[in-house]
C-alpha atoms as a PDB file:
ATOM      1  CA  SER A   1      91.185  94.003 126.475  1.00  0.00           C
ATOM      2  CA  SER A   2      94.052  93.982 124.000  1.00  0.00           C
ATOM      3  CA  ILE A   3      94.914  90.415 125.049  1.00  0.00           C
ATOM      4  CA  SER A   4      91.405  89.078 124.433  1.00  0.00           C
ATOM      5  CA  ARG A   5      91.233  90.979 121.146  1.00  0.00           C
ATOM      6  CA  ALA A   6      94.557  89.491 120.052  1.00  0.00           C
ATOM      7  CA  ALA A   7      93.344  86.014 120.964  1.00  0.00           C
ATOM      8  CA  SER A   8      90.161  86.620 119.001  1.00  0.00           C
ATOM      9  CA  PHE A   9      92.139  87.785 115.954  1.00  0.00           C
ATOM     10  CA  CYS A  10      94.368  84.726 116.184  1.00  0.00           C
ATOM     11  CA  ALA A  11      91.336  82.429 116.188  1.00  0.00           C
ATOM     12  CA  VAL A  12      89.807  84.291 113.262  1.00  0.00           C
ATOM     13  CA  HIS A  13      93.038  84.097 111.260  1.00  0.00           C
ATOM     14  CA  LEU A  14      93.180  80.341 111.783  1.00  0.00           C
ATOM     15  CA  LEU A  15      89.563  80.053 110.677  1.00  0.00           C
ATOM     16  CA  LEU A  16      90.263  82.122 107.575  1.00  0.00           C
ATOM     17  CA  ALA A  17      93.299  80.067 106.625  1.00  0.00           C
ATOM     18  CA  ALA A  18      91.332  76.846 106.868  1.00  0.00           C
ATOM     19  CA  MET A  19      88.389  78.145 104.839  1.00  0.00           C
ATOM     20  CA  PHE A  20      90.413  79.932 102.180  1.00  0.00           C
ATOM     21  CA  ARG A  21      92.897  77.190 101.511  1.00  0.00           C
ATOM     22  CA  ALA A  22      90.212  75.064  99.886  1.00  0.00           C
ATOM     23  CA  THR A  23      87.943  77.741  98.461  1.00  0.00           C
ATOM     24  CA  ILE A  24      89.132  81.268  97.839  1.00  0.00           C
ATOM     25  CA  ARG A  25      92.634  80.813  96.458  1.00  0.00           C
ATOM     26  CA  PRO A  26      91.527  78.551  93.563  1.00  0.00           C
ATOM     27  CA  LEU A  27      88.718  80.998  92.797  1.00  0.00           C
ATOM     28  CA  ALA A  28      91.086  83.931  92.861  1.00  0.00           C
ATOM     29  CA  GLN A  29      93.372  82.216  90.390  1.00  0.00           C
ATOM     30  CA  ALA A  30      90.505  81.536  88.044  1.00  0.00           C
ATOM     31  CA  LEU A  31      89.281  85.137  88.330  1.00  0.00           C
ATOM     32  CA  ARG A  32      85.939  84.289  86.814  1.00  0.00           C
ATOM     33  CA  PRO A  33      83.616  87.162  87.761  1.00  0.00           C
ATOM     34  CA  VAL A  34      80.363  85.942  89.207  1.00  0.00           C
ATOM     35  CA  ALA A  35      77.430  88.307  89.185  1.00  0.00           C
ATOM     36  CA  ALA A  36      76.354  89.406  92.620  1.00  0.00           C
ATOM     37  CA  PRO A  37      72.643  89.532  93.498  1.00  0.00           C
ATOM     38  CA  ALA A  38      70.998  92.333  91.572  1.00  0.00           C
ATOM     39  CA  ALA A  39      71.331  95.635  93.367  1.00  0.00           C
ATOM     40  CA  ARG A  40      68.094  96.942  91.854  1.00  0.00           C
ATOM     41  CA  GLY A  41      65.536  97.221  94.588  1.00  0.00           C
ATOM     42  CA  SER A  42      68.216  96.761  97.208  1.00  0.00           C
ATOM     43  CA  PRO A  43      67.652  98.841 100.344  1.00  0.00           C
ATOM     44  CA  LEU A  44      71.074 100.393  99.835  1.00  0.00           C
ATOM     45  CA  ALA A  45      70.697 101.035  96.111  1.00  0.00           C
ATOM     46  CA  ALA A  46      69.723 104.592  97.006  1.00  0.00           C
ATOM     47  CA  LEU A  47      72.970 105.450  98.750  1.00  0.00           C
ATOM     48  CA  VAL A  48      73.565 108.021  96.049  1.00  0.00           C
ATOM     49  CA  ARG A  49      70.661 109.894  97.599  1.00  0.00           C
ATOM     50  CA  PRO A  50      71.048 112.143 100.672  1.00  0.00           C
ATOM     51  CA  PRO A  51      72.282 110.360 103.817  1.00  0.00           C
ATOM     52  CA  SER A  52      68.919 110.789 105.547  1.00  0.00           C
ATOM     53  CA  VAL A  53      67.261 108.647 102.864  1.00  0.00           C
ATOM     54  CA  ALA A  54      70.067 106.088 103.007  1.00  0.00           C
ATOM     55  CA  ALA A  55      69.786 105.920 106.787  1.00  0.00           C
ATOM     56  CA  THR A  56      66.052 105.185 106.577  1.00  0.00           C
ATOM     57  CA  LEU A  57      66.681 102.411 104.072  1.00  0.00           C
ATOM     58  CA  LEU A  58      69.424 100.996 106.263  1.00  0.00           C
ATOM     59  CA  ALA A  59      66.985 100.765 109.145  1.00  0.00           C
ATOM     60  CA  ARG A  60      64.700  98.631 106.997  1.00  0.00           C
ATOM     61  CA  ARG A  61      67.661  96.436 106.125  1.00  0.00           C
ATOM     62  CA  GLY A  62      68.286  95.671 109.765  1.00  0.00           C
ATOM     63  CA  PHE A  63      71.167  97.990 110.611  1.00  0.00           C
ATOM     64  CA  ALA A  64      69.071  99.330 113.454  1.00  0.00           C
ATOM     65  CA  ALA A  65      66.174  97.912 115.394  1.00  0.00           C
ATOM     66  CA  SER A  66      63.845 100.559 113.977  1.00  0.00           C
ATOM     67  CA  ALA A  67      63.953 103.875 112.161  1.00  0.00           C
ATOM     68  CA  THR A  68      63.647 105.642 115.500  1.00  0.00           C
ATOM     69  CA  ALA A  69      66.886 104.020 116.653  1.00  0.00           C
ATOM     70  CA  LEU A  70      68.922 105.856 114.044  1.00  0.00           C
ATOM     71  CA  GLY A  71      71.339 108.414 115.425  1.00  0.00           C
ATOM     72  CA  LYS A  72      72.256 111.868 114.243  1.00  0.00           C
ATOM     73  CA  LYS A  73      74.481 112.677 111.325  1.00  0.00           C
ATOM     74  CA  PRO A  74      78.225 112.700 112.040  1.00  0.00           C
ATOM     75  CA  LYS A  75      79.936 116.006 112.751  1.00  0.00           C
ATOM     76  CA  HIS A  76      82.346 115.266 109.915  1.00  0.00           C
ATOM     77  CA  GLU A  77      80.637 114.833 106.567  1.00  0.00           C
ATOM     78  CA  ASP A  78      82.046 113.309 103.396  1.00  0.00           C
ATOM     79  CA  GLY A  79      80.165 113.438 100.111  1.00  0.00           C
ATOM     80  CA  THR A  80      82.048 110.659  98.344  1.00  0.00           C
ATOM     81  CA  LEU A  81      80.470 107.277  97.710  1.00  0.00           C
ATOM     82  CA  GLU A  82      82.562 105.730 100.463  1.00  0.00           C
ATOM     83  CA  GLY A  83      81.646 108.632 102.737  1.00  0.00           C
ATOM     84  CA  ARG A  84      77.929 108.023 102.234  1.00  0.00           C
ATOM     85  CA  TYR A  85      78.336 104.375 103.200  1.00  0.00           C
ATOM     86  CA  ALA A  86      80.349 105.386 106.275  1.00  0.00           C
ATOM     87  CA  THR A  87      77.708 107.992 107.150  1.00  0.00           C
ATOM     88  CA  ALA A  88      74.901 105.450 106.841  1.00  0.00           C
ATOM     89  CA  LEU A  89      76.728 103.038 109.154  1.00  0.00           C
ATOM     90  CA  PHE A  90      77.483 105.828 111.625  1.00  0.00           C
ATOM     91  CA  MET A  91      73.816 106.815 111.799  1.00  0.00           C
ATOM     92  CA  ALA A  92      72.781 103.189 112.244  1.00  0.00           C
ATOM     93  CA  SER A  93      75.245 102.733 115.123  1.00  0.00           C
ATOM     94  CA  SER A  94      73.321 104.794 117.652  1.00  0.00           C
ATOM     95  CA  GLY A  95      73.896 103.499 121.164  1.00  0.00           C
ATOM     96  CA  LYS A  96      76.690 101.136 120.112  1.00  0.00           C
ATOM     97  CA  LEU A  97      79.104 103.401 118.292  1.00  0.00           C
ATOM     98  CA  ASP A  98      82.125 102.313 120.332  1.00  0.00           C
ATOM     99  CA  LYS A  99      81.455  98.619 119.624  1.00  0.00           C
ATOM    100  CA  VAL A 100      80.882  99.149 115.905  1.00  0.00           C
ATOM    101  CA  TYR A 101      84.041 101.276 115.714  1.00  0.00           C
ATOM    102  CA  GLU A 102      86.069  98.539 117.418  1.00  0.00           C
ATOM    103  CA  ASP A 103      84.671  95.908 115.051  1.00  0.00           C
ATOM    104  CA  MET A 104      85.249  97.986 111.893  1.00  0.00           C
ATOM    105  CA  THR A 105      88.831  98.895 112.792  1.00  0.00           C
ATOM    106  CA  GLY A 106      89.354  95.240 113.697  1.00  0.00           C
ATOM    107  CA  LEU A 107      88.310  94.290 110.158  1.00  0.00           C
ATOM    108  CA  ARG A 108      90.778  96.792 108.759  1.00  0.00           C
ATOM    109  CA  GLU A 109      93.526  95.367 110.957  1.00  0.00           C
ATOM    110  CA  MET A 110      92.709  91.883 109.721  1.00  0.00           C
ATOM    111  CA  MET A 111      93.030  93.082 106.121  1.00  0.00           C
ATOM    112  CA  GLN A 112      96.464  94.455 106.972  1.00  0.00           C
ATOM    113  CA  THR A 113      97.682  91.316 108.720  1.00  0.00           C
ATOM    114  CA  SER A 114      95.876  88.480 106.937  1.00  0.00           C
ATOM    115  CA  SER A 115      96.559  87.952 103.233  1.00  0.00           C
ATOM    116  CA  ASP A 116      93.655  85.499 103.149  1.00  0.00           C
ATOM    117  CA  PHE A 117      91.167  88.054 104.419  1.00  0.00           C
ATOM    118  CA  LYS A 118      92.511  90.709 102.067  1.00  0.00           C
ATOM    119  CA  LEU A 119      92.131  88.222  99.211  1.00  0.00           C
ATOM    120  CA  LEU A 120      88.490  87.647 100.139  1.00  0.00           C
ATOM    121  CA  ILE A 121      87.741  91.366 100.145  1.00  0.00           C
ATOM    122  CA  GLU A 122      89.541  92.289  96.940  1.00  0.00           C
ATOM    123  CA  THR A 123      88.996  89.281  94.653  1.00  0.00           C
ATOM    124  CA  PRO A 124      85.998  89.860  92.333  1.00  0.00           C
ATOM    125  CA  GLY A 125      85.966  86.219  91.187  1.00  0.00           C
ATOM    126  CA  VAL A 126      84.854  84.922  94.588  1.00  0.00           C
ATOM    127  CA  ASP A 127      81.173  84.013  94.580  1.00  0.00           C
ATOM    128  CA  PRO A 128      79.146  86.488  96.706  1.00  0.00           C
ATOM    129  CA  THR A 129      77.492  83.624  98.567  1.00  0.00           C
ATOM    130  CA  THR A 130      80.919  82.345  99.571  1.00  0.00           C
ATOM    131  CA  LYS A 131      81.944  85.818 100.736  1.00  0.00           C
ATOM    132  CA  VAL A 132      78.827  86.199 102.844  1.00  0.00           C
ATOM    133  CA  ALA A 133      79.196  82.771 104.417  1.00  0.00           C
ATOM    134  CA  THR A 134      82.865  83.330 105.216  1.00  0.00           C
ATOM    135  CA  LEU A 135      82.305  86.807 106.647  1.00  0.00           C
ATOM    136  CA  GLU A 136      79.439  85.508 108.744  1.00  0.00           C
ATOM    137  CA  ALA A 137      81.765  82.886 110.270  1.00  0.00           C
ATOM    138  CA  VAL A 138      84.498  85.493 110.809  1.00  0.00           C
ATOM    139  CA  CYS A 139      82.156  88.010 112.458  1.00  0.00           C
ATOM    140  CA  LYS A 140      80.656  85.322 114.679  1.00  0.00           C
ATOM    141  CA  LYS A 141      84.099  84.098 115.743  1.00  0.00           C
ATOM    142  CA  ALA A 142      85.257  87.666 116.459  1.00  0.00           C
ATOM    143  CA  GLY A 143      82.082  88.556 118.344  1.00  0.00           C
ATOM    144  CA  ALA A 144      81.259  91.427 115.993  1.00  0.00           C
ATOM    145  CA  ASP A 145      78.042  93.376 116.330  1.00  0.00           C
ATOM    146  CA  GLY A 146      75.215  92.243 114.072  1.00  0.00           C
ATOM    147  CA  ALA A 147      75.079  95.640 112.376  1.00  0.00           C
ATOM    148  CA  VAL A 148      78.633  95.124 111.140  1.00  0.00           C
ATOM    149  CA  PHE A 149      77.812  91.830 109.452  1.00  0.00           C
ATOM    150  CA  ASN A 150      74.650  93.295 107.903  1.00  0.00           C
ATOM    151  CA  PHE A 151      76.722  96.185 106.601  1.00  0.00           C
ATOM    152  CA  LEU A 152      79.243  93.826 105.005  1.00  0.00           C
ATOM    153  CA  LYS A 153      76.407  91.913 103.327  1.00  0.00           C
ATOM    154  CA  VAL A 154      75.107  95.139 101.803  1.00  0.00           C
ATOM    155  CA  LEU A 155      78.585  96.030 100.533  1.00  0.00           C
ATOM    156  CA  ILE A 156      78.814  92.634  98.854  1.00  0.00           C
ATOM    157  CA  GLU A 157      75.319  92.960  97.394  1.00  0.00           C
ATOM    158  CA  ASN A 158      76.170  96.375  95.948  1.00  0.00           C
ATOM    159  CA  LYS A 159      79.630  95.268  94.787  1.00  0.00           C
ATOM    160  CA  ARG A 160      81.343  97.784  97.071  1.00  0.00           C
ATOM    161  CA  ILE A 161      83.153  95.390  99.413  1.00  0.00           C
ATOM    162  CA  LYS A 162      86.507  96.244  97.820  1.00  0.00           C
ATOM    163  CA  LYS A 163      86.066  99.774  99.180  1.00  0.00           C
ATOM    164  CA  LEU A 164      85.949  98.496 102.758  1.00  0.00           C
ATOM    165  CA  THR A 165      89.306  99.931 103.844  1.00  0.00           C
ATOM    166  CA  ARG A 166      88.444 103.439 102.672  1.00  0.00           C
ATOM    167  CA  ILE A 167      85.008 103.217 104.268  1.00  0.00           C
ATOM    168  CA  VAL A 168      86.566 102.207 107.591  1.00  0.00           C
ATOM    169  CA  ASP A 169      89.043 105.092 107.345  1.00  0.00           C
ATOM    170  CA  LEU A 170      86.205 107.585 106.876  1.00  0.00           C
ATOM    171  CA  PHE A 171      84.137 105.963 109.612  1.00  0.00           C
ATOM    172  CA  GLU A 172      87.112 106.399 111.924  1.00  0.00           C
ATOM    173  CA  VAL A 173      87.316 110.115 111.067  1.00  0.00           C
ATOM    174  CA  MET A 174      83.614 110.454 111.920  1.00  0.00           C
ATOM    175  CA  PHE A 175      84.043 108.519 115.153  1.00  0.00           C
ATOM    176  CA  ARG A 176      86.957 110.688 116.252  1.00  0.00           C
ATOM    177  CA  ALA A 177      85.081 113.878 115.444  1.00  0.00           C
ATOM    178  CA  GLU A 178      82.131 112.669 117.503  1.00  0.00           C
ATOM    179  CA  LYS A 179      84.358 111.799 120.466  1.00  0.00           C
ATOM    180  CA  GLY A 180      86.451 114.972 120.235  1.00  0.00           C
ATOM    181  CA  HIS A 181      89.542 112.987 119.292  1.00  0.00           C
ATOM    182  CA  VAL A 182      92.067 114.868 117.177  1.00  0.00           C
ATOM    183  CA  LEU A 183      94.827 113.009 115.341  1.00  0.00           C
ATOM    184  CA  CYS A 184      98.204 114.659 115.895  1.00  0.00           C
ATOM    185  CA  LYS A 185     101.019 113.343 113.686  1.00  0.00           C
ATOM    186  CA  VAL A 186     104.538 114.336 114.704  1.00  0.00           C
ATOM    187  CA  THR A 187     107.422 113.819 112.296  1.00  0.00           C
ATOM    188  CA  SER A 188     111.025 114.161 113.396  1.00  0.00           C
ATOM    189  CA  ALA A 189     114.367 113.440 111.735  1.00  0.00           C
ATOM    190  CA  GLU A 190     115.237 110.948 114.464  1.00  0.00           C
ATOM    191  CA  PRO A 191     113.118 109.070 117.017  1.00  0.00           C
ATOM    192  CA  LEU A 192     112.085 111.227 119.977  1.00  0.00           C
ATOM    193  CA  SER A 193     112.685 110.211 123.562  1.00  0.00           C
ATOM    194  CA  SER A 194     109.719 109.624 125.863  1.00  0.00           C
ATOM    195  CA  SER A 195     110.330 112.953 127.586  1.00  0.00           C
ATOM    196  CA  GLN A 196     110.444 114.757 124.241  1.00  0.00           C
ATOM    197  CA  MET A 197     107.207 113.090 123.188  1.00  0.00           C
ATOM    198  CA  ALA A 198     105.553 114.223 126.395  1.00  0.00           C
ATOM    199  CA  GLU A 199     106.823 117.770 125.869  1.00  0.00           C
ATOM    200  CA  VAL A 200     105.464 117.874 122.304  1.00  0.00           C
ATOM    201  CA  LYS A 201     102.091 116.522 123.420  1.00  0.00           C
ATOM    202  CA  LYS A 202     101.835 119.106 126.188  1.00  0.00           C
ATOM    203  CA  ALA A 203     102.624 121.912 123.735  1.00  0.00           C
ATOM    204  CA  MET A 204     100.053 120.704 121.209  1.00  0.00           C
ATOM    205  CA  GLU A 205      97.358 120.285 123.859  1.00  0.00           C
ATOM    206  CA  LYS A 206      97.637 124.036 124.486  1.00  0.00           C
ATOM    207  CA  ARG A 207      96.872 124.653 120.801  1.00  0.00           C
ATOM    208  CA  ALA A 208      94.015 122.160 120.600  1.00  0.00           C
ATOM    209  CA  GLU A 209      90.395 123.153 121.160  1.00  0.00           C
ATOM    210  CA  LYS A 210      89.160 122.879 124.724  1.00  0.00           C
ATOM    211  CA  GLY A 211      87.807 119.427 125.480  1.00  0.00           C
ATOM    212  CA  SER A 212      89.721 117.756 122.646  1.00  0.00           C
ATOM    213  CA  THR A 213      91.693 114.558 123.180  1.00  0.00           C
ATOM    214  CA  LEU A 214      94.842 114.256 121.111  1.00  0.00           C
ATOM    215  CA  ILE A 215      95.676 110.945 119.453  1.00  0.00           C
ATOM    216  CA  MET A 216      99.461 111.141 119.119  1.00  0.00           C
ATOM    217  CA  GLU A 217     101.376 109.424 116.322  1.00  0.00           C
ATOM    218  CA  TYR A 218     105.156 109.725 115.989  1.00  0.00           C
ATOM    219  CA  THR A 219     107.096 108.984 112.804  1.00  0.00           C
ATOM    220  CA  THR A 220     110.587 109.726 111.500  1.00  0.00           C
ATOM    221  CA  ASN A 221     111.746 111.218 108.208  1.00  0.00           C
ATOM    222  CA  PRO A 222     115.479 111.998 107.844  1.00  0.00           C
ATOM    223  CA  ALA A 223     114.676 114.298 104.926  1.00  0.00           C
ATOM    224  CA  ILE A 224     113.448 117.065 107.250  1.00  0.00           C
ATOM    225  CA  LEU A 225     117.053 117.225 108.642  1.00  0.00           C
ATOM    226  CA  GLY A 226     115.932 118.336 112.095  1.00  0.00           C
ATOM    227  CA  GLY A 227     113.151 120.047 113.991  1.00  0.00           C
ATOM    228  CA  LEU A 228     109.544 118.872 113.803  1.00  0.00           C
ATOM    229  CA  VAL A 229     106.595 118.772 111.432  1.00  0.00           C
ATOM    230  CA  VAL A 230     103.301 118.469 113.286  1.00  0.00           C
ATOM    231  CA  LYS A 231      99.929 117.887 111.649  1.00  0.00           C
ATOM    232  CA  MET A 232      97.046 118.348 114.089  1.00  0.00           C
ATOM    233  CA  GLY A 233      93.703 117.828 112.429  1.00  0.00           C
ATOM    234  CA  GLU A 234      93.889 119.942 109.281  1.00  0.00           C
ATOM    235  CA  ALA A 235      96.529 122.333 110.659  1.00  0.00           C
ATOM    236  CA  VAL A 236     100.220 121.840 109.836  1.00  0.00           C
ATOM    237  CA  PHE A 237     103.068 123.301 111.879  1.00  0.00           C
ATOM    238  CA  ASP A 238     106.332 122.962 109.969  1.00  0.00           C
ATOM    239  CA  ASN A 239     109.334 123.863 112.067  1.00  0.00           C
ATOM    240  CA  SER A 240     111.726 121.513 110.340  1.00  0.00           C
ATOM    241  CA  VAL A 241     115.278 122.473 109.420  1.00  0.00           C
ATOM    242  CA  ALA A 242     114.478 121.678 105.784  1.00  0.00           C
ATOM    243  CA  ALA A 243     111.566 124.137 105.774  1.00  0.00           C
ATOM    244  CA  ARG A 244     113.619 126.848 107.468  1.00  0.00           C
ATOM    245  CA  LEU A 245     116.415 126.404 104.933  1.00  0.00           C
ATOM    246  CA  GLU A 246     113.905 126.629 102.106  1.00  0.00           C
ATOM    247  CA  ARG A 247     112.456 129.852 103.518  1.00  0.00           C
ATOM    248  CA  LEU A 248     115.957 131.259 103.914  1.00  0.00           C
ATOM    249  CA  GLN A 249     116.815 130.357 100.326  1.00  0.00           C
ATOM    250  CA  VAL A 250     113.709 132.162  99.083  1.00  0.00           C
ATOM    251  CA  GLN A 251     114.710 135.273 101.028  1.00  0.00           C
ATOM    252  CA  LEU A 252     118.268 135.180  99.686  1.00  0.00           C
ATOM    253  CA  LEU A 253     117.032 134.865  96.106  1.00  0.00           C
ATOM    254  CA  GLN A 254     114.794 137.912  96.377  1.00  0.00           C
ATOM    255  CA  PRO A 255     116.145 140.986  94.557  1.00  0.00           C
ATOM    256  CA  LEU A 256     117.737 143.676  96.691  1.00  0.00           C
ATOM    257  CA  ALA A 257     115.618 146.775  97.267  1.00  0.00           C
END
């Protein structure tokens, strides 16, 4: 539940504060890079290869109980380095995708709310052994799945831990595509009322593919002057006053026939 998750986060933040106060902050100030364990020969050193190869190597690393436990490729594919890491984790999360997704987004939330945790992730001068030990304690306290901790260890080993936020973002895109969840961002000049939000959601559900579940997000931007700008998936519906005025201005500036 959200209450138990909040309590877990609170406990983790307290743990982080206690551990970092004596260890990470002095190291961050010194900023003395410490070489991580050599990536050569690492099971994830071949992540530049096709995802199928990376997934097999991940299984050997312990991301899945066996190679046969690996799941299918995500519906959404991303060829970037971060995307290949996210793909490998997705394929290794067969049978526990919901749990891994909850844990990964929880890590991202901790980075957003805990300066100590963000410092651990982004400071290159922190000894890799210290990072691993701290993340192990954090994951254990938060009740994270073992695959998540193993994944973090591989990121540290390959010096990619600073890319964690982007990897989580891409993993979330893959998760939503798998579940049929479509992000729908609605921007208005002023906050919408609950009835207006419901009306917008109902209208967009008619445009969405059958079986899709819309994840609604509402933001405000006075610059659009009025109306709405809706981004559903990759499609953008701009019915703002600003856009209409711009279109009108273009028409008025066209030469007369």
